[in-house]
Amino acid sequence: MKRCPVPHPNNRGKTAHNQGKYIPDVKFRDLAMRTLRPCPMPGLVMRLIHCCTVKAILISRLGGPEVLQVADVPEPVPATGQVLVRVKAGGINFADIMTAQGGYPGAPRPPIVAGREFSGVREDNGQLVMGYAQWAAFAERIATGTNLLWPVPEGWNAEEGAAFPVNYFTAYLAYWKAGLLEKSPSGGPHRVLIHAVAGGVGTAAVQIGKLLGLEMYGTSSTDEKLARVTELGLQHGINYKQRDYEQTVKDMTRGEGVDAVFEMLGGEHTAKSIRCLRDFGRVIIYGSATGRDAQLDTRALYAKGGSVHGLWLTYLSAKRDLMD
């Protein structure tokens, strides 16, 4: 059947056949599943009635889980360098929640197809793969670049594959930005402070940090959460509701501080994180969970020769040489 070029719902004025970043049979959290309901998107479907369509999860407007709706959208057509994937599972991240609420930078305006990470079967060779998409991962099919697809490891199921790309690539690239992938010049282990250590990126950072032989400090809101990541390799857990993590890090390191801080809280935590650094340390910012603008203690920054670096997976994923 001949596929026709139709407007892509995430890129007004462009066509599906020359876009390709698109589409996914997705497994959602129970809360989201209870709120999903068919929504034919009348204006859109009227224009597409003569074309092939797939089911997708749309963010119909800004809001909570109630704005997620099932709709028919154009079937994606792969561009040069892309392949079609039949999606089996999708992973939900904090960035997806922020996108639905209108707080994620650079996100298209609704209606848009939701989702950033997925797993599924390549239609060209039948291989089970996991992948990353800037948007639009939650539909029956997605057309995506081969450099953003990776084989699902043997023994993993589709759900495990779908939960890997966003958190683990963010954590790995944070270590890369922090310069902690190489051995310390002093011969001792690098030190890293990981905020929200029991979250998705935090958990990934602990597992990767263990492989790298790092000395890891992590903050979380409960002892139960800290116990879980301690089992994964975290050496120093800090319950920030019971202790000030800035002073605790200084005490634990005998006043020296850490080589890097993975910071995604924003507000005053950015300034506190800078003060946790040792000489020439780096703060890696990859989010703002508090919703507050980062506060910079520039005097503490230049006094230690420290630096602050941004990390955004959406931007880095567009760098083919990096993701290859």
C-alpha atoms as a PDB file:
ATOM      1  CA  MET A   1       0.000   0.000   0.000  1.00  0.00           C
ATOM      2  CA  LYS A   2       1.377   3.410  -0.921  1.00  0.00           C
ATOM      3  CA  ARG A   3       1.971   5.660   2.058  1.00  0.00           C
ATOM      4  CA  CYS A   4       0.995   9.274   1.671  1.00  0.00           C
ATOM      5  CA  PRO A   5       2.866  12.266   3.134  1.00  0.00           C
ATOM      6  CA  VAL A   6       0.668  13.620   5.916  1.00  0.00           C
ATOM      7  CA  PRO A   7       1.182  16.281   8.554  1.00  0.00           C
ATOM      8  CA  HIS A   8       3.085  14.926  11.535  1.00  0.00           C
ATOM      9  CA  PRO A   9       1.228  15.923  14.730  1.00  0.00           C
ATOM     10  CA  ASN A  10       4.462  16.895  16.480  1.00  0.00           C
ATOM     11  CA  ASN A  11       5.795  18.993  13.592  1.00  0.00           C
ATOM     12  CA  ARG A  12       3.143  21.234  12.091  1.00  0.00           C
ATOM     13  CA  GLY A  13       3.837  22.122   8.485  1.00  0.00           C
ATOM     14  CA  LYS A  14       6.172  19.142   7.942  1.00  0.00           C
ATOM     15  CA  THR A  15       5.378  15.678   6.691  1.00  0.00           C
ATOM     16  CA  ALA A  16       5.609  12.264   8.269  1.00  0.00           C
ATOM     17  CA  HIS A  17       7.809  10.820   5.551  1.00  0.00           C
ATOM     18  CA  ASN A  18      10.535  13.393   6.100  1.00  0.00           C
ATOM     19  CA  GLN A  19      10.354  13.432   9.888  1.00  0.00           C
ATOM     20  CA  GLY A  20      10.672   9.893  11.071  1.00  0.00           C
ATOM     21  CA  LYS A  21      11.122  10.497  14.867  1.00  0.00           C
ATOM     22  CA  TYR A  22       8.031   8.688  15.772  1.00  0.00           C
ATOM     23  CA  ILE A  23       5.804   6.145  17.110  1.00  0.00           C
ATOM     24  CA  PRO A  24       4.552   2.770  19.896  1.00  0.00           C
ATOM     25  CA  ASP A  25       1.870  -1.171  22.365  1.00  0.00           C
ATOM     26  CA  VAL A  26       3.113   0.546  25.514  1.00  0.00           C
ATOM     27  CA  LYS A  27       3.065  -0.553  29.138  1.00  0.00           C
ATOM     28  CA  PHE A  28       2.152   2.314  31.503  1.00  0.00           C
ATOM     29  CA  ARG A  29       1.971   2.791  35.231  1.00  0.00           C
ATOM     30  CA  ASP A  30      -1.421   1.894  36.657  1.00  0.00           C
ATOM     31  CA  LEU A  31      -2.345   5.515  37.269  1.00  0.00           C
ATOM     32  CA  ALA A  32      -1.757   6.440  33.676  1.00  0.00           C
ATOM     33  CA  MET A  33      -3.577   3.378  32.365  1.00  0.00           C
ATOM     34  CA  ARG A  34      -6.680   4.181  34.388  1.00  0.00           C
ATOM     35  CA  THR A  35      -6.909   7.593  32.790  1.00  0.00           C
ATOM     36  CA  LEU A  36      -6.340   6.600  29.163  1.00  0.00           C
ATOM     37  CA  ARG A  37      -9.372   6.743  26.932  1.00  0.00           C
ATOM     38  CA  PRO A  38      -9.952   6.650  23.182  1.00  0.00           C
ATOM     39  CA  CYS A  39      -9.821  10.055  21.586  1.00  0.00           C
ATOM     40  CA  PRO A  40     -10.158  10.164  17.789  1.00  0.00           C
ATOM     41  CA  MET A  41      -8.738  13.717  17.600  1.00  0.00           C
ATOM     42  CA  PRO A  42     -11.523  14.777  15.186  1.00  0.00           C
ATOM     43  CA  GLY A  43      -9.700  17.521  13.304  1.00  0.00           C
ATOM     44  CA  LEU A  44      -6.622  15.398  12.808  1.00  0.00           C
ATOM     45  CA  VAL A  45      -8.363  12.171  11.839  1.00  0.00           C
ATOM     46  CA  MET A  46     -10.559  13.899   9.262  1.00  0.00           C
ATOM     47  CA  ARG A  47      -7.403  14.812   7.335  1.00  0.00           C
ATOM     48  CA  LEU A  48      -5.920  11.320   7.659  1.00  0.00           C
ATOM     49  CA  ILE A  49      -8.884   9.116   6.885  1.00  0.00           C
ATOM     50  CA  HIS A  50      -7.384   7.900   3.618  1.00  0.00           C
ATOM     51  CA  CYS A  51      -3.972   7.084   5.109  1.00  0.00           C
ATOM     52  CA  CYS A  52      -2.474   4.292   7.204  1.00  0.00           C
ATOM     53  CA  THR A  53      -2.622   5.000  10.938  1.00  0.00           C
ATOM     54  CA  VAL A  54      -1.343   3.515  14.191  1.00  0.00           C
ATOM     55  CA  LYS A  55      -2.488   3.872  17.779  1.00  0.00           C
ATOM     56  CA  ALA A  56      -0.497   6.242  19.964  1.00  0.00           C
ATOM     57  CA  ILE A  57      -0.615   7.874  23.385  1.00  0.00           C
ATOM     58  CA  LEU A  58      -1.094  11.615  22.999  1.00  0.00           C
ATOM     59  CA  ILE A  59      -0.616  14.446  25.428  1.00  0.00           C
ATOM     60  CA  SER A  60      -3.805  16.209  24.371  1.00  0.00           C
ATOM     61  CA  ARG A  61      -3.247  19.329  26.491  1.00  0.00           C
ATOM     62  CA  LEU A  62      -1.163  20.411  29.456  1.00  0.00           C
ATOM     63  CA  GLY A  63      -1.978  18.746  32.767  1.00  0.00           C
ATOM     64  CA  GLY A  64      -1.709  15.506  34.730  1.00  0.00           C
ATOM     65  CA  PRO A  65      -2.324  11.869  33.719  1.00  0.00           C
ATOM     66  CA  GLU A  66      -5.864  12.745  32.662  1.00  0.00           C
ATOM     67  CA  VAL A  67      -4.529  14.504  29.543  1.00  0.00           C
ATOM     68  CA  LEU A  68      -3.155  11.232  28.115  1.00  0.00           C
ATOM     69  CA  GLN A  69      -5.403   9.939  25.353  1.00  0.00           C
ATOM     70  CA  VAL A  70      -5.307   7.105  22.830  1.00  0.00           C
ATOM     71  CA  ALA A  71      -5.559   8.332  19.246  1.00  0.00           C
ATOM     72  CA  ASP A  72      -4.980   7.301  15.643  1.00  0.00           C
ATOM     73  CA  VAL A  73      -1.935   9.032  14.148  1.00  0.00           C
ATOM     74  CA  PRO A  74      -0.157   8.650  10.779  1.00  0.00           C
ATOM     75  CA  GLU A  75       1.955   5.537  10.422  1.00  0.00           C
ATOM     76  CA  PRO A  76       5.607   6.643  10.304  1.00  0.00           C
ATOM     77  CA  VAL A  77       7.656   6.268   7.141  1.00  0.00           C
ATOM     78  CA  PRO A  78      11.417   5.865   7.746  1.00  0.00           C
ATOM     79  CA  ALA A  79      13.702   8.509   6.308  1.00  0.00           C
ATOM     80  CA  THR A  80      17.215   7.730   5.086  1.00  0.00           C
ATOM     81  CA  GLY A  81      19.198   6.144   7.906  1.00  0.00           C
ATOM     82  CA  GLN A  82      16.084   5.159   9.832  1.00  0.00           C
ATOM     83  CA  VAL A  83      14.245   1.892  10.434  1.00  0.00           C
ATOM     84  CA  LEU A  84      10.777   0.964  11.656  1.00  0.00           C
ATOM     85  CA  VAL A  85      10.387  -0.585  15.103  1.00  0.00           C
ATOM     86  CA  ARG A  86       7.254  -2.333  16.392  1.00  0.00           C
ATOM     87  CA  VAL A  87       7.204  -1.104  19.976  1.00  0.00           C
ATOM     88  CA  LYS A  88       6.594  -3.616  22.771  1.00  0.00           C
ATOM     89  CA  ALA A  89       7.179  -1.447  25.880  1.00  0.00           C
ATOM     90  CA  GLY A  90       7.894   2.135  26.877  1.00  0.00           C
ATOM     91  CA  GLY A  91       9.573   3.693  29.891  1.00  0.00           C
ATOM     92  CA  ILE A  92       8.097   6.644  31.791  1.00  0.00           C
ATOM     93  CA  ASN A  93      10.480   9.286  33.142  1.00  0.00           C
ATOM     94  CA  PHE A  94      10.240  12.493  35.137  1.00  0.00           C
ATOM     95  CA  ALA A  95      10.835  14.343  31.870  1.00  0.00           C
ATOM     96  CA  ASP A  96       7.579  12.889  30.519  1.00  0.00           C
ATOM     97  CA  ILE A  97       5.688  14.269  33.513  1.00  0.00           C
ATOM     98  CA  MET A  98       7.307  17.678  33.016  1.00  0.00           C
ATOM     99  CA  THR A  99       6.408  17.605  29.310  1.00  0.00           C
ATOM    100  CA  ALA A 100       2.754  16.924  30.085  1.00  0.00           C
ATOM    101  CA  GLN A 101       2.744  19.756  32.622  1.00  0.00           C
ATOM    102  CA  GLY A 102       4.442  22.196  30.241  1.00  0.00           C
ATOM    103  CA  GLY A 103       7.689  22.477  32.195  1.00  0.00           C
ATOM    104  CA  TYR A 104      10.108  20.686  29.884  1.00  0.00           C
ATOM    105  CA  PRO A 105      12.329  22.948  27.734  1.00  0.00           C
ATOM    106  CA  GLY A 106      11.965  22.665  23.982  1.00  0.00           C
ATOM    107  CA  ALA A 107       8.959  20.336  24.005  1.00  0.00           C
ATOM    108  CA  PRO A 108       6.435  20.844  21.177  1.00  0.00           C
ATOM    109  CA  ARG A 109       3.022  22.150  22.146  1.00  0.00           C
ATOM    110  CA  PRO A 110       0.175  19.613  22.546  1.00  0.00           C
ATOM    111  CA  PRO A 111      -1.185  17.576  20.994  1.00  0.00           C
ATOM    112  CA  ILE A 112       2.013  15.532  20.848  1.00  0.00           C
ATOM    113  CA  VAL A 113       2.807  11.835  21.023  1.00  0.00           C
ATOM    114  CA  ALA A 114       4.296  11.069  24.443  1.00  0.00           C
ATOM    115  CA  GLY A 115       7.372   9.102  25.386  1.00  0.00           C
ATOM    116  CA  ARG A 116      11.169   9.101  25.103  1.00  0.00           C
ATOM    117  CA  GLU A 117      12.376   5.524  25.560  1.00  0.00           C
ATOM    118  CA  PHE A 118      11.096   2.217  24.255  1.00  0.00           C
ATOM    119  CA  SER A 119      11.910  -1.324  23.265  1.00  0.00           C
ATOM    120  CA  GLY A 120      10.593  -3.318  20.336  1.00  0.00           C
ATOM    121  CA  VAL A 121      11.333  -5.389  17.277  1.00  0.00           C
ATOM    122  CA  ARG A 122      13.107  -3.988  14.230  1.00  0.00           C
ATOM    123  CA  GLU A 123      10.953  -4.693  11.195  1.00  0.00           C
ATOM    124  CA  ASP A 124      13.950  -5.043   8.876  1.00  0.00           C
ATOM    125  CA  ASN A 125      15.734  -7.837  10.756  1.00  0.00           C
ATOM    126  CA  GLY A 126      13.510  -8.963  13.667  1.00  0.00           C
ATOM    127  CA  GLN A 127      16.038  -7.949  16.327  1.00  0.00           C
ATOM    128  CA  LEU A 128      14.785  -6.954  19.790  1.00  0.00           C
ATOM    129  CA  VAL A 129      16.156  -3.470  20.442  1.00  0.00           C
ATOM    130  CA  MET A 130      15.885  -0.616  22.907  1.00  0.00           C
ATOM    131  CA  GLY A 131      15.869   2.966  21.752  1.00  0.00           C
ATOM    132  CA  TYR A 132      15.666   6.666  22.532  1.00  0.00           C
ATOM    133  CA  ALA A 133      13.460   9.279  20.889  1.00  0.00           C
ATOM    134  CA  GLN A 134      13.323  12.980  21.691  1.00  0.00           C
ATOM    135  CA  TRP A 135       9.526  12.722  21.754  1.00  0.00           C
ATOM    136  CA  ALA A 136       6.844  10.458  20.305  1.00  0.00           C
ATOM    137  CA  ALA A 137       7.950   7.019  21.533  1.00  0.00           C
ATOM    138  CA  PHE A 138       4.565   5.769  22.758  1.00  0.00           C
ATOM    139  CA  ALA A 139       2.879   4.407  19.657  1.00  0.00           C
ATOM    140  CA  GLU A 140       2.591   1.077  17.880  1.00  0.00           C
ATOM    141  CA  ARG A 141       5.480   1.863  15.537  1.00  0.00           C
ATOM    142  CA  ILE A 142       8.326   4.320  15.532  1.00  0.00           C
ATOM    143  CA  ALA A 143      10.741   5.326  12.784  1.00  0.00           C
ATOM    144  CA  THR A 144      14.101   6.146  14.312  1.00  0.00           C
ATOM    145  CA  GLY A 145      17.777   6.426  13.484  1.00  0.00           C
ATOM    146  CA  THR A 146      19.837   3.276  13.815  1.00  0.00           C
ATOM    147  CA  ASN A 147      22.369   5.176  15.954  1.00  0.00           C
ATOM    148  CA  LEU A 148      19.664   5.537  18.629  1.00  0.00           C
ATOM    149  CA  LEU A 149      18.918   1.799  18.739  1.00  0.00           C
ATOM    150  CA  TRP A 150      20.832  -0.801  20.724  1.00  0.00           C
ATOM    151  CA  PRO A 151      20.335  -4.581  21.049  1.00  0.00           C
ATOM    152  CA  VAL A 152      18.476  -5.632  24.193  1.00  0.00           C
ATOM    153  CA  PRO A 153      20.974  -7.746  26.189  1.00  0.00           C
ATOM    154  CA  GLU A 154      20.392 -11.481  26.282  1.00  0.00           C
ATOM    155  CA  GLY A 155      18.177 -12.453  29.208  1.00  0.00           C
ATOM    156  CA  TRP A 156      16.416  -9.076  29.406  1.00  0.00           C
ATOM    157  CA  ASN A 157      12.719  -8.728  28.634  1.00  0.00           C
ATOM    158  CA  ALA A 158      11.112  -5.865  26.727  1.00  0.00           C
ATOM    159  CA  GLU A 159      10.215  -3.927  29.878  1.00  0.00           C
ATOM    160  CA  GLU A 160      13.796  -4.032  31.160  1.00  0.00           C
ATOM    161  CA  GLY A 161      15.071  -2.861  27.800  1.00  0.00           C
ATOM    162  CA  ALA A 162      12.601   0.035  27.711  1.00  0.00           C
ATOM    163  CA  ALA A 163      13.727   1.229  31.157  1.00  0.00           C
ATOM    164  CA  PHE A 164      17.412   1.507  30.197  1.00  0.00           C
ATOM    165  CA  PRO A 165      18.165   4.290  27.658  1.00  0.00           C
ATOM    166  CA  VAL A 166      17.179   7.544  29.400  1.00  0.00           C
ATOM    167  CA  ASN A 167      18.475   6.853  32.903  1.00  0.00           C
ATOM    168  CA  TYR A 168      21.626   4.953  32.056  1.00  0.00           C
ATOM    169  CA  PHE A 169      22.776   7.135  29.181  1.00  0.00           C
ATOM    170  CA  THR A 170      22.160  10.246  31.296  1.00  0.00           C
ATOM    171  CA  ALA A 171      24.218   8.782  34.148  1.00  0.00           C
ATOM    172  CA  TYR A 172      27.035   7.608  31.878  1.00  0.00           C
ATOM    173  CA  LEU A 173      27.224  10.941  30.053  1.00  0.00           C
ATOM    174  CA  ALA A 174      27.253  12.741  33.414  1.00  0.00           C
ATOM    175  CA  TYR A 175      30.373  10.777  34.374  1.00  0.00           C
ATOM    176  CA  TRP A 176      31.837  11.636  30.979  1.00  0.00           C
ATOM    177  CA  LYS A 177      31.120  15.356  31.452  1.00  0.00           C
ATOM    178  CA  ALA A 178      32.570  15.196  34.965  1.00  0.00           C
ATOM    179  CA  GLY A 179      35.783  13.601  33.715  1.00  0.00           C
ATOM    180  CA  LEU A 180      35.354  10.592  35.989  1.00  0.00           C
ATOM    181  CA  LEU A 181      35.672   7.889  33.334  1.00  0.00           C
ATOM    182  CA  GLU A 182      39.463   8.095  33.627  1.00  0.00           C
ATOM    183  CA  LYS A 183      41.522   7.145  36.664  1.00  0.00           C
ATOM    184  CA  SER A 184      42.272   9.816  39.241  1.00  0.00           C
ATOM    185  CA  PRO A 185      45.758  11.406  38.889  1.00  0.00           C
ATOM    186  CA  SER A 186      46.233  10.935  42.638  1.00  0.00           C
ATOM    187  CA  GLY A 187      45.758   7.202  42.338  1.00  0.00           C
ATOM    188  CA  GLY A 188      42.850   7.197  44.770  1.00  0.00           C
ATOM    189  CA  PRO A 189      39.181   6.864  43.802  1.00  0.00           C
ATOM    190  CA  HIS A 190      37.203   9.765  42.402  1.00  0.00           C
ATOM    191  CA  ARG A 191      34.423  11.015  44.677  1.00  0.00           C
ATOM    192  CA  VAL A 192      30.922  11.830  43.461  1.00  0.00           C
ATOM    193  CA  LEU A 193      27.823  13.177  45.213  1.00  0.00           C
ATOM    194  CA  ILE A 194      24.594  11.975  43.593  1.00  0.00           C
ATOM    195  CA  HIS A 195      21.374  13.803  44.445  1.00  0.00           C
ATOM    196  CA  ALA A 196      18.105  11.827  44.391  1.00  0.00           C
ATOM    197  CA  VAL A 197      20.295   8.752  44.477  1.00  0.00           C
ATOM    198  CA  ALA A 198      17.338   6.349  44.688  1.00  0.00           C
ATOM    199  CA  GLY A 199      15.695   7.750  41.542  1.00  0.00           C
ATOM    200  CA  GLY A 200      16.131   6.513  37.994  1.00  0.00           C
ATOM    201  CA  VAL A 201      19.315   8.371  37.052  1.00  0.00           C
ATOM    202  CA  GLY A 202      20.636   8.058  40.603  1.00  0.00           C
ATOM    203  CA  THR A 203      20.243   4.288  40.633  1.00  0.00           C
ATOM    204  CA  ALA A 204      21.972   4.065  37.256  1.00  0.00           C
ATOM    205  CA  ALA A 205      24.778   6.323  38.482  1.00  0.00           C
ATOM    206  CA  VAL A 206      25.395   4.070  41.482  1.00  0.00           C
ATOM    207  CA  GLN A 207      25.612   0.950  39.338  1.00  0.00           C
ATOM    208  CA  ILE A 208      27.945   2.615  36.834  1.00  0.00           C
ATOM    209  CA  GLY A 209      29.980   4.215  39.616  1.00  0.00           C
ATOM    210  CA  LYS A 210      30.530   0.829  41.215  1.00  0.00           C
ATOM    211  CA  LEU A 211      31.950  -0.475  37.938  1.00  0.00           C
ATOM    212  CA  LEU A 212      34.245   2.569  37.780  1.00  0.00           C
ATOM    213  CA  GLY A 213      35.460   2.025  41.335  1.00  0.00           C
ATOM    214  CA  LEU A 214      34.239   5.422  42.589  1.00  0.00           C
ATOM    215  CA  GLU A 215      33.651   6.620  46.133  1.00  0.00           C
ATOM    216  CA  MET A 216      29.961   7.545  46.083  1.00  0.00           C
ATOM    217  CA  TYR A 217      27.858   9.776  48.310  1.00  0.00           C
ATOM    218  CA  GLY A 218      24.113  10.000  47.743  1.00  0.00           C
ATOM    219  CA  THR A 219      21.163  11.976  49.082  1.00  0.00           C
ATOM    220  CA  SER A 220      17.597  10.756  49.491  1.00  0.00           C
ATOM    221  CA  SER A 221      14.540  11.453  51.632  1.00  0.00           C
ATOM    222  CA  THR A 222      14.242   8.133  53.506  1.00  0.00           C
ATOM    223  CA  ASP A 223      16.485   5.488  55.023  1.00  0.00           C
ATOM    224  CA  GLU A 224      14.524   2.821  53.125  1.00  0.00           C
ATOM    225  CA  LYS A 225      15.462   4.349  49.774  1.00  0.00           C
ATOM    226  CA  LEU A 226      19.073   4.660  50.829  1.00  0.00           C
ATOM    227  CA  ALA A 227      19.119   1.005  51.901  1.00  0.00           C
ATOM    228  CA  ARG A 228      18.066  -0.089  48.414  1.00  0.00           C
ATOM    229  CA  VAL A 229      20.857   1.777  46.644  1.00  0.00           C
ATOM    230  CA  THR A 230      23.360   0.762  49.310  1.00  0.00           C
ATOM    231  CA  GLU A 231      22.728  -2.822  48.192  1.00  0.00           C
ATOM    232  CA  LEU A 232      23.703  -1.694  44.669  1.00  0.00           C
ATOM    233  CA  GLY A 233      27.019  -0.259  45.793  1.00  0.00           C
ATOM    234  CA  LEU A 234      26.467   3.197  47.362  1.00  0.00           C
ATOM    235  CA  GLN A 235      28.971   3.630  50.196  1.00  0.00           C
ATOM    236  CA  HIS A 236      27.702   6.791  51.891  1.00  0.00           C
ATOM    237  CA  GLY A 237      23.967   7.486  52.110  1.00  0.00           C
ATOM    238  CA  ILE A 238      22.697  10.824  53.436  1.00  0.00           C
ATOM    239  CA  ASN A 239      19.085  11.309  54.540  1.00  0.00           C
ATOM    240  CA  TYR A 240      18.720  15.016  53.779  1.00  0.00           C
ATOM    241  CA  LYS A 241      15.647  15.274  56.018  1.00  0.00           C
ATOM    242  CA  GLN A 242      17.767  14.317  59.004  1.00  0.00           C
ATOM    243  CA  ARG A 243      21.159  15.832  58.125  1.00  0.00           C
ATOM    244  CA  ASP A 244      22.413  18.771  56.107  1.00  0.00           C
ATOM    245  CA  TYR A 245      24.155  17.096  53.194  1.00  0.00           C
ATOM    246  CA  GLU A 246      26.619  19.946  52.634  1.00  0.00           C
ATOM    247  CA  GLN A 247      28.041  19.700  56.139  1.00  0.00           C
ATOM    248  CA  THR A 248      27.837  15.902  56.109  1.00  0.00           C
ATOM    249  CA  VAL A 249      29.892  15.650  52.905  1.00  0.00           C
ATOM    250  CA  LYS A 250      32.510  17.979  54.368  1.00  0.00           C
ATOM    251  CA  ASP A 251      32.672  15.898  57.551  1.00  0.00           C
ATOM    252  CA  MET A 252      32.878  12.576  55.686  1.00  0.00           C
ATOM    253  CA  THR A 253      35.649  13.821  53.378  1.00  0.00           C
ATOM    254  CA  ARG A 254      37.609  15.585  56.145  1.00  0.00           C
ATOM    255  CA  GLY A 255      36.829  18.947  54.583  1.00  0.00           C
ATOM    256  CA  GLU A 256      38.068  18.049  51.106  1.00  0.00           C
ATOM    257  CA  GLY A 257      34.764  17.669  49.251  1.00  0.00           C
ATOM    258  CA  VAL A 258      33.960  15.641  46.124  1.00  0.00           C
ATOM    259  CA  ASP A 259      35.180  15.682  42.534  1.00  0.00           C
ATOM    260  CA  ALA A 260      31.695  15.955  41.039  1.00  0.00           C
ATOM    261  CA  VAL A 261      28.079  16.502  42.010  1.00  0.00           C
ATOM    262  CA  PHE A 262      25.180  15.214  39.910  1.00  0.00           C
ATOM    263  CA  GLU A 263      22.608  17.968  40.451  1.00  0.00           C
ATOM    264  CA  MET A 264      18.992  17.899  39.277  1.00  0.00           C
ATOM    265  CA  LEU A 265      17.212  19.737  42.092  1.00  0.00           C
ATOM    266  CA  GLY A 266      17.723  23.423  41.279  1.00  0.00           C
ATOM    267  CA  GLY A 267      17.182  26.373  43.583  1.00  0.00           C
ATOM    268  CA  GLU A 268      19.559  26.661  46.541  1.00  0.00           C
ATOM    269  CA  HIS A 269      20.795  23.106  45.985  1.00  0.00           C
ATOM    270  CA  THR A 270      22.976  24.254  43.097  1.00  0.00           C
ATOM    271  CA  ALA A 271      24.865  26.652  45.358  1.00  0.00           C
ATOM    272  CA  LYS A 272      25.129  24.023  48.102  1.00  0.00           C
ATOM    273  CA  SER A 273      26.429  21.514  45.565  1.00  0.00           C
ATOM    274  CA  ILE A 274      29.167  23.933  44.486  1.00  0.00           C
ATOM    275  CA  ARG A 275      30.255  24.244  48.107  1.00  0.00           C
ATOM    276  CA  CYS A 276      30.511  20.435  48.290  1.00  0.00           C
ATOM    277  CA  LEU A 277      33.227  20.384  45.603  1.00  0.00           C
ATOM    278  CA  ARG A 278      36.904  19.831  46.166  1.00  0.00           C
ATOM    279  CA  ASP A 279      39.437  21.849  44.136  1.00  0.00           C
ATOM    280  CA  PHE A 280      38.700  21.848  40.386  1.00  0.00           C
ATOM    281  CA  GLY A 281      35.496  19.876  40.909  1.00  0.00           C
ATOM    282  CA  ARG A 282      32.479  19.959  38.608  1.00  0.00           C
ATOM    283  CA  VAL A 283      28.733  20.248  39.148  1.00  0.00           C
ATOM    284  CA  ILE A 284      26.755  18.478  36.418  1.00  0.00           C
ATOM    285  CA  ILE A 285      23.228  19.897  36.077  1.00  0.00           C
ATOM    286  CA  TYR A 286      20.702  17.725  34.257  1.00  0.00           C
ATOM    287  CA  GLY A 287      17.364  18.895  35.663  1.00  0.00           C
ATOM    288  CA  SER A 288      15.460  21.114  38.079  1.00  0.00           C
ATOM    289  CA  ALA A 289      13.056  18.937  40.055  1.00  0.00           C
ATOM    290  CA  THR A 290      12.168  21.728  42.477  1.00  0.00           C
ATOM    291  CA  GLY A 291      11.040  23.951  39.614  1.00  0.00           C
ATOM    292  CA  ARG A 292      13.202  26.778  40.950  1.00  0.00           C
ATOM    293  CA  ASP A 293      15.996  28.536  39.078  1.00  0.00           C
ATOM    294  CA  ALA A 294      19.482  27.480  40.087  1.00  0.00           C
ATOM    295  CA  GLN A 295      21.336  29.683  42.567  1.00  0.00           C
ATOM    296  CA  LEU A 296      25.050  30.024  41.846  1.00  0.00           C
ATOM    297  CA  ASP A 297      27.614  30.745  44.551  1.00  0.00           C
ATOM    298  CA  THR A 298      30.171  32.207  42.165  1.00  0.00           C
ATOM    299  CA  ARG A 299      32.653  33.072  44.908  1.00  0.00           C
ATOM    300  CA  ALA A 300      32.796  29.439  46.020  1.00  0.00           C
ATOM    301  CA  LEU A 301      33.080  28.439  42.369  1.00  0.00           C
ATOM    302  CA  TYR A 302      36.114  30.522  41.459  1.00  0.00           C
ATOM    303  CA  ALA A 303      37.736  30.039  44.876  1.00  0.00           C
ATOM    304  CA  LYS A 304      38.001  26.313  44.133  1.00  0.00           C
ATOM    305  CA  GLY A 305      38.600  26.588  40.403  1.00  0.00           C
ATOM    306  CA  GLY A 306      35.345  24.681  39.992  1.00  0.00           C
ATOM    307  CA  SER A 307      32.931  24.612  37.077  1.00  0.00           C
ATOM    308  CA  VAL A 308      29.259  23.994  36.311  1.00  0.00           C
ATOM    309  CA  HIS A 309      28.206  21.955  33.271  1.00  0.00           C
ATOM    310  CA  GLY A 310      24.821  21.350  31.682  1.00  0.00           C
ATOM    311  CA  LEU A 311      23.688  17.945  30.439  1.00  0.00           C
ATOM    312  CA  TRP A 312      20.600  17.441  28.262  1.00  0.00           C
ATOM    313  CA  LEU A 313      20.081  14.046  26.654  1.00  0.00           C
ATOM    314  CA  THR A 314      17.709  15.508  24.057  1.00  0.00           C
ATOM    315  CA  TYR A 315      20.541  17.684  22.727  1.00  0.00           C
ATOM    316  CA  LEU A 316      23.278  15.077  22.976  1.00  0.00           C
ATOM    317  CA  SER A 317      21.154  12.457  21.200  1.00  0.00           C
ATOM    318  CA  ALA A 318      21.218  14.637  18.081  1.00  0.00           C
ATOM    319  CA  LYS A 319      25.031  14.374  17.991  1.00  0.00           C
ATOM    320  CA  ARG A 320      25.457  11.318  15.775  1.00  0.00           C
ATOM    321  CA  ASP A 321      29.201  11.030  16.347  1.00  0.00           C
ATOM    322  CA  LEU A 322      28.646  10.947  20.116  1.00  0.00           C
ATOM    323  CA  MET A 323      25.748   8.478  20.149  1.00  0.00           C
ATOM    324  CA  ASP A 324      27.379   6.156  17.603  1.00  0.00           C
END
